[in-house]
Amino acid sequence: MAKRIKSGLKRRRQNEVRRNRNRAVRTRVRNAIKALRTAITAGDTTQVKELLPRTVSIIEGGVRKGVFQRNTASRYKSRLSVQANAVLNAKQG
């Protein structure tokens, strides 16, 4: 029978808490991105203007909490901004 090591039990508890927190943050980021992409494909400029800053902020929050690496977040933000600007510029021109 394996001995129950105190530090191992504590690590297990910590990992569980972190896993749940990371999962919640990742889900929040994905849902925000999905909502923005839906607005982009629909061509809804008012929705895009409202959701873009909020989505970027949520993505940056994921970086602050250590769930996403900085370059990954930058890639998401860049691609979403390009797509959003294409919709916004198309409606203006």
N, C-alpha and C. Protein backbone atom coordinates (compact mmCIF):
# COMPACT_ATOMS: atom_id res chain seq x y z
N MET A 1 0.84 -1.18 0.00
CA MET A 1 0.00 0.00 0.00
C MET A 1 0.88 1.25 0.00
N ALA A 2 0.59 2.16 -0.89
CA ALA A 2 1.39 3.38 -0.99
C ALA A 2 1.08 4.32 0.18
N LYS A 3 2.13 4.96 0.66
CA LYS A 3 1.98 5.87 1.77
C LYS A 3 1.37 7.20 1.27
N ARG A 4 0.45 7.75 2.05
CA ARG A 4 -0.16 9.03 1.69
C ARG A 4 0.78 10.15 2.13
N ILE A 5 1.33 10.84 1.16
CA ILE A 5 2.27 11.90 1.47
C ILE A 5 1.51 13.22 1.54
N LYS A 6 1.73 13.95 2.62
CA LYS A 6 1.00 15.18 2.88
C LYS A 6 1.15 16.19 1.73
N SER A 7 2.39 16.37 1.30
CA SER A 7 2.63 17.37 0.24
C SER A 7 1.97 16.93 -1.07
N GLY A 8 1.91 15.63 -1.30
CA GLY A 8 1.25 15.13 -2.50
C GLY A 8 -0.24 15.39 -2.48
N LEU A 9 -0.84 15.23 -1.30
CA LEU A 9 -2.27 15.50 -1.16
C LEU A 9 -2.56 16.98 -1.36
N LYS A 10 -1.69 17.82 -0.80
CA LYS A 10 -1.87 19.26 -0.96
C LYS A 10 -1.73 19.66 -2.42
N ARG A 11 -0.74 19.10 -3.10
CA ARG A 11 -0.54 19.41 -4.52
C ARG A 11 -1.77 19.03 -5.33
N ARG A 12 -2.34 17.90 -4.96
CA ARG A 12 -3.53 17.44 -5.67
C ARG A 12 -4.69 18.42 -5.49
N ARG A 13 -4.85 18.92 -4.27
CA ARG A 13 -5.90 19.91 -4.01
C ARG A 13 -5.63 21.20 -4.78
N GLN A 14 -4.39 21.64 -4.79
CA GLN A 14 -4.03 22.88 -5.50
C GLN A 14 -4.27 22.73 -7.00
N ASN A 15 -3.88 21.58 -7.54
CA ASN A 15 -4.06 21.34 -8.97
C ASN A 15 -5.53 21.35 -9.35
N GLU A 16 -6.37 20.80 -8.49
CA GLU A 16 -7.81 20.78 -8.75
C GLU A 16 -8.38 22.19 -8.82
N VAL A 17 -7.98 23.03 -7.85
CA VAL A 17 -8.46 24.42 -7.82
C VAL A 17 -8.00 25.15 -9.07
N ARG A 18 -6.73 24.99 -9.42
CA ARG A 18 -6.17 25.68 -10.58
C ARG A 18 -6.82 25.19 -11.87
N ARG A 19 -7.06 23.90 -11.96
CA ARG A 19 -7.67 23.34 -13.16
C ARG A 19 -9.06 23.94 -13.37
N ASN A 20 -9.83 24.02 -12.29
CA ASN A 20 -11.17 24.59 -12.40
C ASN A 20 -11.13 26.07 -12.77
N ARG A 21 -10.19 26.81 -12.18
CA ARG A 21 -10.07 28.23 -12.49
C ARG A 21 -9.66 28.43 -13.95
N ASN A 22 -8.67 27.68 -14.40
CA ASN A 22 -8.20 27.80 -15.77
C ASN A 22 -9.30 27.43 -16.76
N ARG A 23 -10.06 26.43 -16.42
CA ARG A 23 -11.14 25.98 -17.30
C ARG A 23 -12.20 27.07 -17.44
N ALA A 24 -12.53 27.73 -16.32
CA ALA A 24 -13.52 28.80 -16.35
C ALA A 24 -13.04 29.97 -17.20
N VAL A 25 -11.77 30.33 -17.03
CA VAL A 25 -11.22 31.45 -17.80
C VAL A 25 -11.19 31.10 -19.29
N ARG A 26 -10.75 29.88 -19.61
CA ARG A 26 -10.67 29.45 -21.01
C ARG A 26 -12.05 29.45 -21.65
N THR A 27 -13.06 28.98 -20.91
CA THR A 27 -14.43 28.96 -21.42
C THR A 27 -14.93 30.37 -21.67
N ARG A 28 -14.64 31.28 -20.75
CA ARG A 28 -15.08 32.67 -20.89
C ARG A 28 -14.46 33.30 -22.13
N VAL A 29 -13.17 33.06 -22.35
CA VAL A 29 -12.49 33.61 -23.53
C VAL A 29 -13.10 33.03 -24.81
N ARG A 30 -13.30 31.73 -24.83
CA ARG A 30 -13.84 31.10 -26.03
C ARG A 30 -15.24 31.58 -26.34
N ASN A 31 -16.07 31.77 -25.32
CA ASN A 31 -17.42 32.26 -25.54
C ASN A 31 -17.41 33.69 -26.07
N ALA A 32 -16.51 34.51 -25.55
CA ALA A 32 -16.41 35.90 -26.02
C ALA A 32 -15.98 35.93 -27.48
N ILE A 33 -15.00 35.10 -27.83
CA ILE A 33 -14.52 35.05 -29.21
C ILE A 33 -15.63 34.56 -30.13
N LYS A 34 -16.37 33.56 -29.67
CA LYS A 34 -17.46 33.01 -30.48
C LYS A 34 -18.54 34.07 -30.73
N ALA A 35 -18.87 34.84 -29.71
CA ALA A 35 -19.89 35.88 -29.86
C ALA A 35 -19.43 36.94 -30.85
N LEU A 36 -18.16 37.33 -30.76
CA LEU A 36 -17.62 38.33 -31.68
C LEU A 36 -17.61 37.80 -33.10
N ARG A 37 -17.18 36.57 -33.29
CA ARG A 37 -17.14 35.98 -34.64
C ARG A 37 -18.55 35.88 -35.24
N THR A 38 -19.53 35.58 -34.41
CA THR A 38 -20.91 35.52 -34.88
C THR A 38 -21.37 36.89 -35.36
N ALA A 39 -21.02 37.92 -34.61
CA ALA A 39 -21.38 39.29 -35.01
C ALA A 39 -20.66 39.68 -36.29
N ILE A 40 -19.42 39.24 -36.44
CA ILE A 40 -18.65 39.57 -37.65
C ILE A 40 -19.27 38.91 -38.87
N THR A 41 -19.62 37.64 -38.75
CA THR A 41 -20.19 36.94 -39.90
C THR A 41 -21.57 37.49 -40.25
N ALA A 42 -22.31 37.98 -39.23
CA ALA A 42 -23.62 38.56 -39.48
C ALA A 42 -23.49 39.96 -40.07
N GLY A 43 -22.32 40.58 -39.91
CA GLY A 43 -22.11 41.92 -40.43
C GLY A 43 -22.75 43.00 -39.58
N ASP A 44 -22.99 42.70 -38.32
CA ASP A 44 -23.64 43.63 -37.40
C ASP A 44 -22.59 44.59 -36.82
N THR A 45 -22.49 45.80 -37.40
CA THR A 45 -21.42 46.73 -37.01
C THR A 45 -21.56 47.23 -35.57
N THR A 46 -22.78 47.50 -35.13
CA THR A 46 -22.94 47.99 -33.75
C THR A 46 -22.52 46.92 -32.75
N GLN A 47 -22.87 45.69 -33.03
CA GLN A 47 -22.49 44.57 -32.15
C GLN A 47 -20.97 44.39 -32.16
N VAL A 48 -20.35 44.50 -33.34
CA VAL A 48 -18.90 44.33 -33.46
C VAL A 48 -18.19 45.43 -32.67
N LYS A 49 -18.65 46.68 -32.81
CA LYS A 49 -18.04 47.80 -32.08
C LYS A 49 -18.13 47.60 -30.57
N GLU A 50 -19.23 47.02 -30.13
CA GLU A 50 -19.43 46.80 -28.70
C GLU A 50 -18.60 45.62 -28.19
N LEU A 51 -18.55 44.54 -28.97
CA LEU A 51 -17.92 43.31 -28.49
C LEU A 51 -16.40 43.28 -28.62
N LEU A 52 -15.84 44.01 -29.60
CA LEU A 52 -14.40 43.92 -29.83
C LEU A 52 -13.59 44.35 -28.60
N PRO A 53 -13.83 45.53 -28.03
CA PRO A 53 -13.04 45.91 -26.84
C PRO A 53 -13.26 44.97 -25.66
N ARG A 54 -14.49 44.52 -25.50
CA ARG A 54 -14.80 43.61 -24.39
C ARG A 54 -14.06 42.28 -24.56
N THR A 55 -14.05 41.77 -25.79
CA THR A 55 -13.38 40.49 -26.06
C THR A 55 -11.88 40.62 -25.85
N VAL A 56 -11.29 41.73 -26.33
CA VAL A 56 -9.85 41.94 -26.15
C VAL A 56 -9.52 41.99 -24.66
N SER A 57 -10.36 42.64 -23.88
CA SER A 57 -10.14 42.74 -22.45
C SER A 57 -10.21 41.36 -21.79
N ILE A 58 -11.16 40.56 -22.21
CA ILE A 58 -11.30 39.21 -21.64
C ILE A 58 -10.08 38.35 -22.00
N ILE A 59 -9.60 38.48 -23.24
CA ILE A 59 -8.41 37.74 -23.66
C ILE A 59 -7.20 38.15 -22.82
N GLU A 60 -7.04 39.47 -22.60
CA GLU A 60 -5.92 39.95 -21.78
C GLU A 60 -6.04 39.46 -20.34
N GLY A 61 -7.27 39.32 -19.86
CA GLY A 61 -7.47 38.76 -18.53
C GLY A 61 -6.98 37.33 -18.44
N GLY A 62 -7.18 36.57 -19.52
CA GLY A 62 -6.67 35.20 -19.58
C GLY A 62 -5.16 35.15 -19.50
N VAL A 63 -4.51 36.15 -20.10
CA VAL A 63 -3.04 36.23 -20.04
C VAL A 63 -2.60 36.57 -18.62
N ARG A 64 -3.29 37.53 -18.01
CA ARG A 64 -2.93 37.94 -16.64
C ARG A 64 -3.05 36.78 -15.66
N LYS A 65 -4.03 35.92 -15.88
CA LYS A 65 -4.22 34.78 -14.98
C LYS A 65 -3.33 33.60 -15.35
N GLY A 66 -2.57 33.73 -16.43
CA GLY A 66 -1.62 32.69 -16.80
C GLY A 66 -2.22 31.53 -17.57
N VAL A 67 -3.44 31.70 -18.09
CA VAL A 67 -4.09 30.62 -18.82
C VAL A 67 -3.60 30.60 -20.26
N PHE A 68 -3.37 31.79 -20.83
CA PHE A 68 -2.88 31.90 -22.20
C PHE A 68 -1.52 32.58 -22.20
N GLN A 69 -0.68 32.17 -23.14
CA GLN A 69 0.59 32.85 -23.30
C GLN A 69 0.37 34.15 -24.05
N ARG A 70 1.28 35.08 -23.86
CA ARG A 70 1.15 36.41 -24.44
C ARG A 70 1.03 36.38 -25.96
N ASN A 71 1.85 35.56 -26.61
CA ASN A 71 1.82 35.51 -28.07
C ASN A 71 0.52 34.90 -28.59
N THR A 72 -0.02 33.93 -27.89
CA THR A 72 -1.29 33.34 -28.28
C THR A 72 -2.39 34.38 -28.21
N ALA A 73 -2.41 35.15 -27.13
CA ALA A 73 -3.41 36.20 -26.97
C ALA A 73 -3.25 37.26 -28.05
N SER A 74 -2.01 37.62 -28.35
CA SER A 74 -1.76 38.62 -29.39
C SER A 74 -2.26 38.14 -30.74
N ARG A 75 -2.07 36.87 -31.01
CA ARG A 75 -2.54 36.30 -32.27
C ARG A 75 -4.06 36.36 -32.36
N TYR A 76 -4.74 35.98 -31.28
CA TYR A 76 -6.21 36.05 -31.24
C TYR A 76 -6.67 37.48 -31.48
N LYS A 77 -6.08 38.42 -30.73
CA LYS A 77 -6.49 39.82 -30.82
C LYS A 77 -6.26 40.38 -32.21
N SER A 78 -5.13 40.03 -32.79
CA SER A 78 -4.79 40.54 -34.12
C SER A 78 -5.77 40.04 -35.17
N ARG A 79 -6.03 38.75 -35.15
CA ARG A 79 -6.93 38.17 -36.16
C ARG A 79 -8.35 38.70 -36.00
N LEU A 80 -8.81 38.81 -34.77
CA LEU A 80 -10.16 39.33 -34.54
C LEU A 80 -10.26 40.79 -34.95
N SER A 81 -9.22 41.57 -34.68
CA SER A 81 -9.22 42.98 -35.05
C SER A 81 -9.26 43.16 -36.56
N VAL A 82 -8.49 42.35 -37.27
CA VAL A 82 -8.47 42.43 -38.73
C VAL A 82 -9.85 42.11 -39.29
N GLN A 83 -10.47 41.06 -38.78
CA GLN A 83 -11.80 40.67 -39.26
C GLN A 83 -12.84 41.73 -38.91
N ALA A 84 -12.77 42.27 -37.71
CA ALA A 84 -13.74 43.28 -37.28
C ALA A 84 -13.58 44.55 -38.11
N ASN A 85 -12.34 44.96 -38.34
CA ASN A 85 -12.10 46.18 -39.14
C ASN A 85 -12.57 45.99 -40.57
N ALA A 86 -12.46 44.80 -41.11
CA ALA A 86 -12.93 44.53 -42.46
C ALA A 86 -14.44 44.74 -42.53
N VAL A 87 -15.16 44.29 -41.52
CA VAL A 87 -16.62 44.46 -41.50
C VAL A 87 -16.97 45.94 -41.33
N LEU A 88 -16.26 46.61 -40.40
CA LEU A 88 -16.57 48.02 -40.12
C LEU A 88 -16.25 48.90 -41.33
N ASN A 89 -15.14 48.63 -42.00
CA ASN A 89 -14.74 49.43 -43.18
C ASN A 89 -15.64 49.15 -44.37
N ALA A 90 -16.13 47.93 -44.49
CA ALA A 90 -17.01 47.59 -45.60
C ALA A 90 -18.33 48.34 -45.49
N LYS A 91 -18.81 48.51 -44.26
CA LYS A 91 -20.08 49.21 -44.06
C LYS A 91 -19.94 50.71 -44.28
N GLN A 92 -18.74 51.25 -43.99
CA GLN A 92 -18.50 52.68 -44.17
C GLN A 92 -18.37 53.04 -45.64
N GLY A 93 -17.63 52.20 -46.37
CA GLY A 93 -17.30 52.52 -47.76
C GLY A 93 -18.33 52.21 -48.73
